[in-house]
Amino acid sequence: MDTRTSAAETAAGVFSRDRSAANPFVLQPLPYAESALEPVISARTLRLHYGKHYEGYVEALNELVAGTPFADMSLTQIVLSTAKEPEYATVFHNAAQAWNHAFYWRSLSPTGGGFPSHALKLRIDSAFGHLEALKEELSIAATMQFGSGWAWLVLDGAKLRVVKTDNEENPLIADMKPLLAIDVWEHAYYLDYQNRRADHVHKVLDKLINWDFAAENLGAA
């Protein structure tokens, strides 16, 4: 098995599937109530984001893979198998967005923000100098991403890095291990912040970002 597949599928228990079901890919439950991220992210935004956008990707993926070899693959395997393959672009779009969103929900926490664990802080200090420098890099990546996309904290080899990706793409296809994600598609923030993406990003980093999840993913590398 590809090491990217095994690490991503087991990281903090994010992904699951029901191989016996007609629709093998299932919505991953939110790890908190819809209102738990207020006032940074409203229940209205989270309800739309989770129940319309994320659910739509999962439902579309199940329809697309029915009766194909993809139906027997894990979500990560589908992402890696269809990336950069034009004939499977629609499968990739929905699989990657399902993957990204399942990961994103866990990248946020009602008790987030604050400071990472000692072990993660040492890695952050080594790579970025200090925590505020990392947060600034994440903020720049998220706010400077042109159009829809994502900002990520990743493990690239043995080094922590900040990267951004367009649309549905994620770091797995560049052989990097995601540790945290920030969604900057408009549906993630527009109802609450309109075009003030930077305000949304800053508040997520200050109040919601889940350093414990990053530490779990780093430990699983």
C-alpha atoms as a PDB file:
ATOM      1  CA  MET A   1       0.000   0.000   0.000  1.00  0.00           C
ATOM      2  CA  ASP A   2       1.179   3.516  -0.793  1.00  0.00           C
ATOM      3  CA  THR A   3       2.486   5.076   2.429  1.00  0.00           C
ATOM      4  CA  ARG A   4       0.479   8.202   1.691  1.00  0.00           C
ATOM      5  CA  THR A   5      -2.646   6.046   1.634  1.00  0.00           C
ATOM      6  CA  SER A   6      -2.024   4.242   4.910  1.00  0.00           C
ATOM      7  CA  ALA A   7      -1.040   7.391   6.792  1.00  0.00           C
ATOM      8  CA  ALA A   8      -3.919   9.486   5.484  1.00  0.00           C
ATOM      9  CA  GLU A   9      -6.562   6.827   6.081  1.00  0.00           C
ATOM     10  CA  THR A  10      -5.533   6.232   9.690  1.00  0.00           C
ATOM     11  CA  ALA A  11      -4.700   9.794  10.735  1.00  0.00           C
ATOM     12  CA  ALA A  12      -6.863  10.586  13.739  1.00  0.00           C
ATOM     13  CA  GLY A  13      -9.657   8.323  12.473  1.00  0.00           C
ATOM     14  CA  VAL A  14     -10.866  10.819   9.881  1.00  0.00           C
ATOM     15  CA  PHE A  15     -12.046   8.445   7.176  1.00  0.00           C
ATOM     16  CA  SER A  16     -14.373   5.472   7.123  1.00  0.00           C
ATOM     17  CA  ARG A  17     -16.503   3.640   4.591  1.00  0.00           C
ATOM     18  CA  ASP A  18     -19.057   0.856   4.363  1.00  0.00           C
ATOM     19  CA  ARG A  19     -17.879  -1.591   1.702  1.00  0.00           C
ATOM     20  CA  SER A  20     -21.118  -3.581   1.957  1.00  0.00           C
ATOM     21  CA  ALA A  21     -23.388  -0.621   1.280  1.00  0.00           C
ATOM     22  CA  ALA A  22     -24.749   0.455  -2.090  1.00  0.00           C
ATOM     23  CA  ASN A  23     -23.109   3.825  -1.426  1.00  0.00           C
ATOM     24  CA  PRO A  24     -19.733   2.926   0.107  1.00  0.00           C
ATOM     25  CA  PHE A  25     -18.581   6.458   0.887  1.00  0.00           C
ATOM     26  CA  VAL A  26     -20.302   8.026   3.872  1.00  0.00           C
ATOM     27  CA  LEU A  27     -20.494  11.460   5.398  1.00  0.00           C
ATOM     28  CA  GLN A  28     -18.059  11.805   8.257  1.00  0.00           C
ATOM     29  CA  PRO A  29     -19.982  13.254  11.230  1.00  0.00           C
ATOM     30  CA  LEU A  30     -19.034  16.670  12.467  1.00  0.00           C
ATOM     31  CA  PRO A  31     -16.932  16.356  15.632  1.00  0.00           C
ATOM     32  CA  TYR A  32     -18.937  19.184  17.234  1.00  0.00           C
ATOM     33  CA  ALA A  33     -22.398  20.752  17.102  1.00  0.00           C
ATOM     34  CA  GLU A  34     -23.294  23.048  14.199  1.00  0.00           C
ATOM     35  CA  SER A  35     -23.280  26.047  16.544  1.00  0.00           C
ATOM     36  CA  ALA A  36     -20.047  25.102  18.344  1.00  0.00           C
ATOM     37  CA  LEU A  37     -17.770  27.252  16.170  1.00  0.00           C
ATOM     38  CA  GLU A  38     -19.741  30.472  16.683  1.00  0.00           C
ATOM     39  CA  PRO A  39     -19.133  33.360  16.519  1.00  0.00           C
ATOM     40  CA  VAL A  40     -16.210  32.680  14.148  1.00  0.00           C
ATOM     41  CA  ILE A  41     -18.238  30.351  11.906  1.00  0.00           C
ATOM     42  CA  SER A  42     -21.997  30.547  12.241  1.00  0.00           C
ATOM     43  CA  ALA A  43     -24.307  27.547  12.480  1.00  0.00           C
ATOM     44  CA  ARG A  44     -25.929  28.763   9.254  1.00  0.00           C
ATOM     45  CA  THR A  45     -22.614  28.630   7.389  1.00  0.00           C
ATOM     46  CA  LEU A  46     -21.645  25.255   8.838  1.00  0.00           C
ATOM     47  CA  ARG A  47     -25.057  23.785   8.050  1.00  0.00           C
ATOM     48  CA  LEU A  48     -24.784  24.893   4.416  1.00  0.00           C
ATOM     49  CA  HIS A  49     -21.135  23.875   4.117  1.00  0.00           C
ATOM     50  CA  TYR A  50     -21.599  20.429   5.631  1.00  0.00           C
ATOM     51  CA  GLY A  51     -25.132  19.578   4.551  1.00  0.00           C
ATOM     52  CA  LYS A  52     -25.039  20.931   1.004  1.00  0.00           C
ATOM     53  CA  HIS A  53     -21.473  21.171  -0.286  1.00  0.00           C
ATOM     54  CA  TYR A  54     -19.747  18.310   1.523  1.00  0.00           C
ATOM     55  CA  GLU A  55     -22.777  16.034   1.270  1.00  0.00           C
ATOM     56  CA  GLY A  56     -23.027  16.858  -2.419  1.00  0.00           C
ATOM     57  CA  TYR A  57     -19.454  15.730  -3.071  1.00  0.00           C
ATOM     58  CA  VAL A  58     -19.998  12.427  -1.257  1.00  0.00           C
ATOM     59  CA  GLU A  59     -23.285  11.713  -3.032  1.00  0.00           C
ATOM     60  CA  ALA A  60     -21.811  12.547  -6.437  1.00  0.00           C
ATOM     61  CA  LEU A  61     -18.787  10.352  -5.765  1.00  0.00           C
ATOM     62  CA  ASN A  62     -20.967   7.373  -4.904  1.00  0.00           C
ATOM     63  CA  GLU A  63     -22.858   7.808  -8.171  1.00  0.00           C
ATOM     64  CA  LEU A  64     -19.680   8.154 -10.212  1.00  0.00           C
ATOM     65  CA  VAL A  65     -17.883   5.099  -8.820  1.00  0.00           C
ATOM     66  CA  ALA A  66     -20.844   2.714  -8.843  1.00  0.00           C
ATOM     67  CA  GLY A  67     -19.957  -0.363 -10.874  1.00  0.00           C
ATOM     68  CA  THR A  68     -16.344   0.706 -11.399  1.00  0.00           C
ATOM     69  CA  PRO A  69     -13.057  -0.463  -9.838  1.00  0.00           C
ATOM     70  CA  PHE A  70     -13.039   2.785  -7.846  1.00  0.00           C
ATOM     71  CA  ALA A  71     -15.904   1.480  -5.712  1.00  0.00           C
ATOM     72  CA  ASP A  72     -13.493  -0.957  -4.052  1.00  0.00           C
ATOM     73  CA  MET A  73     -10.809   1.644  -3.348  1.00  0.00           C
ATOM     74  CA  SER A  74     -10.369   3.835  -0.306  1.00  0.00           C
ATOM     75  CA  LEU A  75     -11.047   7.538  -0.676  1.00  0.00           C
ATOM     76  CA  THR A  76      -7.328   8.302  -0.583  1.00  0.00           C
ATOM     77  CA  GLN A  77      -6.583   5.679  -3.216  1.00  0.00           C
ATOM     78  CA  ILE A  78      -9.164   7.247  -5.522  1.00  0.00           C
ATOM     79  CA  VAL A  79      -7.635  10.697  -5.052  1.00  0.00           C
ATOM     80  CA  LEU A  80      -4.163   9.400  -5.881  1.00  0.00           C
ATOM     81  CA  SER A  81      -5.361   7.256  -8.790  1.00  0.00           C
ATOM     82  CA  THR A  82      -7.358   9.984 -10.540  1.00  0.00           C
ATOM     83  CA  ALA A  83      -5.185  13.055  -9.975  1.00  0.00           C
ATOM     84  CA  LYS A  84      -3.845  14.491 -13.230  1.00  0.00           C
ATOM     85  CA  GLU A  85      -5.958  12.020 -15.230  1.00  0.00           C
ATOM     86  CA  PRO A  86      -8.276  14.111 -17.474  1.00  0.00           C
ATOM     87  CA  GLU A  87     -10.675  11.240 -18.170  1.00  0.00           C
ATOM     88  CA  TYR A  88     -11.338  10.931 -14.436  1.00  0.00           C
ATOM     89  CA  ALA A  89     -11.452  14.636 -13.655  1.00  0.00           C
ATOM     90  CA  THR A  90     -14.997  14.536 -12.271  1.00  0.00           C
ATOM     91  CA  VAL A  91     -14.221  11.557 -10.052  1.00  0.00           C
ATOM     92  CA  PHE A  92     -11.114  13.330  -8.784  1.00  0.00           C
ATOM     93  CA  HIS A  93     -12.991  16.558  -8.100  1.00  0.00           C
ATOM     94  CA  ASN A  94     -15.590  14.877  -5.913  1.00  0.00           C
ATOM     95  CA  ALA A  95     -13.212  12.420  -4.219  1.00  0.00           C
ATOM     96  CA  ALA A  96     -10.681  15.112  -3.382  1.00  0.00           C
ATOM     97  CA  GLN A  97     -13.337  17.480  -2.082  1.00  0.00           C
ATOM     98  CA  ALA A  98     -14.821  14.705   0.052  1.00  0.00           C
ATOM     99  CA  TRP A  99     -11.331  13.988   1.407  1.00  0.00           C
ATOM    100  CA  ASN A 100     -10.499  17.650   1.978  1.00  0.00           C
ATOM    101  CA  HIS A 101     -13.718  18.382   3.834  1.00  0.00           C
ATOM    102  CA  ALA A 102     -13.526  15.332   6.089  1.00  0.00           C
ATOM    103  CA  PHE A 103     -10.026  16.490   6.994  1.00  0.00           C
ATOM    104  CA  TYR A 104     -11.053  20.140   7.366  1.00  0.00           C
ATOM    105  CA  TRP A 105     -13.778  19.477   9.953  1.00  0.00           C
ATOM    106  CA  ARG A 106     -11.133  17.979  12.233  1.00  0.00           C
ATOM    107  CA  SER A 107      -8.740  20.871  11.588  1.00  0.00           C
ATOM    108  CA  LEU A 108     -11.120  23.084  13.571  1.00  0.00           C
ATOM    109  CA  SER A 109     -12.183  22.831  17.197  1.00  0.00           C
ATOM    110  CA  PRO A 110     -14.418  24.885  19.512  1.00  0.00           C
ATOM    111  CA  THR A 111     -11.483  24.829  21.939  1.00  0.00           C
ATOM    112  CA  GLY A 112      -8.879  25.501  19.250  1.00  0.00           C
ATOM    113  CA  GLY A 113      -6.426  28.322  18.844  1.00  0.00           C
ATOM    114  CA  GLY A 114      -4.041  28.828  21.704  1.00  0.00           C
ATOM    115  CA  PHE A 115      -0.792  26.892  21.661  1.00  0.00           C
ATOM    116  CA  PRO A 116       0.319  23.531  20.265  1.00  0.00           C
ATOM    117  CA  SER A 117       1.753  20.722  22.331  1.00  0.00           C
ATOM    118  CA  HIS A 118       5.401  20.910  23.318  1.00  0.00           C
ATOM    119  CA  ALA A 119       6.505  18.356  20.710  1.00  0.00           C
ATOM    120  CA  LEU A 120       4.689  20.132  17.889  1.00  0.00           C
ATOM    121  CA  LYS A 121       5.912  23.520  19.074  1.00  0.00           C
ATOM    122  CA  LEU A 122       9.507  22.325  18.832  1.00  0.00           C
ATOM    123  CA  ARG A 123       8.917  21.296  15.216  1.00  0.00           C
ATOM    124  CA  ILE A 124       7.191  24.610  14.470  1.00  0.00           C
ATOM    125  CA  ASP A 125      10.007  26.610  16.034  1.00  0.00           C
ATOM    126  CA  SER A 126      12.561  24.646  14.012  1.00  0.00           C
ATOM    127  CA  ALA A 127      10.753  25.212  10.723  1.00  0.00           C
ATOM    128  CA  PHE A 128       9.315  28.721  11.134  1.00  0.00           C
ATOM    129  CA  GLY A 129      11.122  30.331  14.075  1.00  0.00           C
ATOM    130  CA  HIS A 130       8.015  30.629  16.256  1.00  0.00           C
ATOM    131  CA  LEU A 131       4.265  29.998  16.250  1.00  0.00           C
ATOM    132  CA  GLU A 132       3.275  33.497  15.152  1.00  0.00           C
ATOM    133  CA  ALA A 133       5.486  33.166  12.076  1.00  0.00           C
ATOM    134  CA  LEU A 134       3.689  29.950  11.128  1.00  0.00           C
ATOM    135  CA  LYS A 135       0.291  31.585  11.636  1.00  0.00           C
ATOM    136  CA  GLU A 136       1.398  34.477   9.447  1.00  0.00           C
ATOM    137  CA  GLU A 137       2.466  32.075   6.682  1.00  0.00           C
ATOM    138  CA  LEU A 138      -0.847  30.245   6.890  1.00  0.00           C
ATOM    139  CA  SER A 139      -2.713  33.543   6.804  1.00  0.00           C
ATOM    140  CA  ILE A 140      -0.797  34.718   3.736  1.00  0.00           C
ATOM    141  CA  ALA A 141      -1.314  31.418   1.933  1.00  0.00           C
ATOM    142  CA  ALA A 142      -5.048  31.441   2.681  1.00  0.00           C
ATOM    143  CA  THR A 143      -5.678  35.083   1.804  1.00  0.00           C
ATOM    144  CA  MET A 144      -3.418  35.171  -1.265  1.00  0.00           C
ATOM    145  CA  GLN A 145      -4.869  32.000  -2.801  1.00  0.00           C
ATOM    146  CA  PHE A 146      -6.462  33.294  -5.995  1.00  0.00           C
ATOM    147  CA  GLY A 147     -10.015  32.039  -6.258  1.00  0.00           C
ATOM    148  CA  SER A 148     -11.122  28.853  -4.563  1.00  0.00           C
ATOM    149  CA  GLY A 149      -8.703  26.580  -2.758  1.00  0.00           C
ATOM    150  CA  TRP A 150      -7.029  25.572   0.471  1.00  0.00           C
ATOM    151  CA  ALA A 151      -4.147  26.491   2.766  1.00  0.00           C
ATOM    152  CA  TRP A 152      -2.316  23.634   4.461  1.00  0.00           C
ATOM    153  CA  LEU A 153       0.274  22.870   7.089  1.00  0.00           C
ATOM    154  CA  VAL A 154       2.087  19.815   5.752  1.00  0.00           C
ATOM    155  CA  LEU A 155       4.972  17.518   6.436  1.00  0.00           C
ATOM    156  CA  ASP A 156       7.181  17.537   3.344  1.00  0.00           C
ATOM    157  CA  GLY A 157       9.750  14.818   3.908  1.00  0.00           C
ATOM    158  CA  ALA A 158      11.011  15.664   7.386  1.00  0.00           C
ATOM    159  CA  LYS A 159      10.175  19.383   7.280  1.00  0.00           C
ATOM    160  CA  LEU A 160       7.023  21.330   8.125  1.00  0.00           C
ATOM    161  CA  ARG A 161       5.837  23.634   5.346  1.00  0.00           C
ATOM    162  CA  VAL A 162       2.871  25.826   4.466  1.00  0.00           C
ATOM    163  CA  VAL A 163       1.385  25.310   1.004  1.00  0.00           C
ATOM    164  CA  LYS A 164      -1.749  26.342  -0.843  1.00  0.00           C
ATOM    165  CA  THR A 165      -3.681  24.423  -3.471  1.00  0.00           C
ATOM    166  CA  ASP A 166      -6.182  25.370  -6.145  1.00  0.00           C
ATOM    167  CA  ASN A 167      -9.787  24.240  -6.134  1.00  0.00           C
ATOM    168  CA  GLU A 168     -10.016  20.599  -4.963  1.00  0.00           C
ATOM    169  CA  GLU A 169      -6.325  19.726  -5.080  1.00  0.00           C
ATOM    170  CA  ASN A 170      -4.552  18.647  -1.910  1.00  0.00           C
ATOM    171  CA  PRO A 171      -0.973  17.921  -0.797  1.00  0.00           C
ATOM    172  CA  LEU A 172      -1.322  14.144  -1.104  1.00  0.00           C
ATOM    173  CA  ILE A 173      -0.850  14.339  -4.856  1.00  0.00           C
ATOM    174  CA  ALA A 174       2.464  16.158  -4.333  1.00  0.00           C
ATOM    175  CA  ASP A 175       3.633  13.411  -1.933  1.00  0.00           C
ATOM    176  CA  MET A 176       3.227  15.596   1.161  1.00  0.00           C
ATOM    177  CA  LYS A 177       1.365  14.692   4.371  1.00  0.00           C
ATOM    178  CA  PRO A 178      -1.398  17.139   5.407  1.00  0.00           C
ATOM    179  CA  LEU A 179      -1.457  18.152   9.073  1.00  0.00           C
ATOM    180  CA  LEU A 180      -4.071  20.949   9.008  1.00  0.00           C
ATOM    181  CA  ALA A 181      -6.325  22.561   6.392  1.00  0.00           C
ATOM    182  CA  ILE A 182      -8.062  25.915   6.018  1.00  0.00           C
ATOM    183  CA  ASP A 183     -10.870  26.049   3.448  1.00  0.00           C
ATOM    184  CA  VAL A 184     -10.984  29.295   1.468  1.00  0.00           C
ATOM    185  CA  TRP A 185     -13.723  28.414  -0.977  1.00  0.00           C
ATOM    186  CA  GLU A 186     -16.329  31.156  -0.635  1.00  0.00           C
ATOM    187  CA  HIS A 187     -18.943  28.791   0.785  1.00  0.00           C
ATOM    188  CA  ALA A 188     -16.704  28.382   3.853  1.00  0.00           C
ATOM    189  CA  TYR A 189     -17.045  32.018   4.916  1.00  0.00           C
ATOM    190  CA  TYR A 190     -19.105  34.238   2.612  1.00  0.00           C
ATOM    191  CA  LEU A 191     -22.363  34.204   4.570  1.00  0.00           C
ATOM    192  CA  ASP A 192     -20.503  35.451   7.647  1.00  0.00           C
ATOM    193  CA  TYR A 193     -17.789  37.663   6.157  1.00  0.00           C
ATOM    194  CA  GLN A 194     -18.801  38.458   2.564  1.00  0.00           C
ATOM    195  CA  ASN A 195     -15.541  39.319   0.763  1.00  0.00           C
ATOM    196  CA  ARG A 196     -13.506  39.739   3.976  1.00  0.00           C
ATOM    197  CA  ARG A 197     -11.640  36.449   3.646  1.00  0.00           C
ATOM    198  CA  ALA A 198      -8.691  37.735   5.661  1.00  0.00           C
ATOM    199  CA  ASP A 199     -10.917  38.444   8.688  1.00  0.00           C
ATOM    200  CA  HIS A 200     -12.263  34.908   8.563  1.00  0.00           C
ATOM    201  CA  VAL A 201      -8.780  33.386   8.271  1.00  0.00           C
ATOM    202  CA  HIS A 202      -7.353  35.408  11.150  1.00  0.00           C
ATOM    203  CA  LYS A 203     -10.210  34.422  13.459  1.00  0.00           C
ATOM    204  CA  VAL A 204      -9.905  30.749  12.503  1.00  0.00           C
ATOM    205  CA  LEU A 205      -6.197  30.818  13.327  1.00  0.00           C
ATOM    206  CA  ASP A 206      -6.732  32.660  16.602  1.00  0.00           C
ATOM    207  CA  LYS A 207      -9.806  30.785  17.880  1.00  0.00           C
ATOM    208  CA  LEU A 208     -10.461  27.510  16.055  1.00  0.00           C
ATOM    209  CA  ILE A 209      -7.351  25.938  14.544  1.00  0.00           C
ATOM    210  CA  ASN A 210      -6.871  22.482  16.022  1.00  0.00           C
ATOM    211  CA  TRP A 211      -3.213  22.054  16.947  1.00  0.00           C
ATOM    212  CA  ASP A 212      -4.012  18.746  18.640  1.00  0.00           C
ATOM    213  CA  PHE A 213      -5.184  17.338  15.314  1.00  0.00           C
ATOM    214  CA  ALA A 214      -1.961  18.493  13.673  1.00  0.00           C
ATOM    215  CA  ALA A 215       0.047  16.813  16.436  1.00  0.00           C
ATOM    216  CA  GLU A 216      -1.898  13.552  15.959  1.00  0.00           C
ATOM    217  CA  ASN A 217      -1.242  13.610  12.222  1.00  0.00           C
ATOM    218  CA  LEU A 218       2.428  14.413  12.763  1.00  0.00           C
ATOM    219  CA  GLY A 219       2.716  11.535  15.201  1.00  0.00           C
ATOM    220  CA  ALA A 220       1.184   9.171  12.643  1.00  0.00           C
ATOM    221  CA  ALA A 221       3.759  10.093   9.987  1.00  0.00           C
END
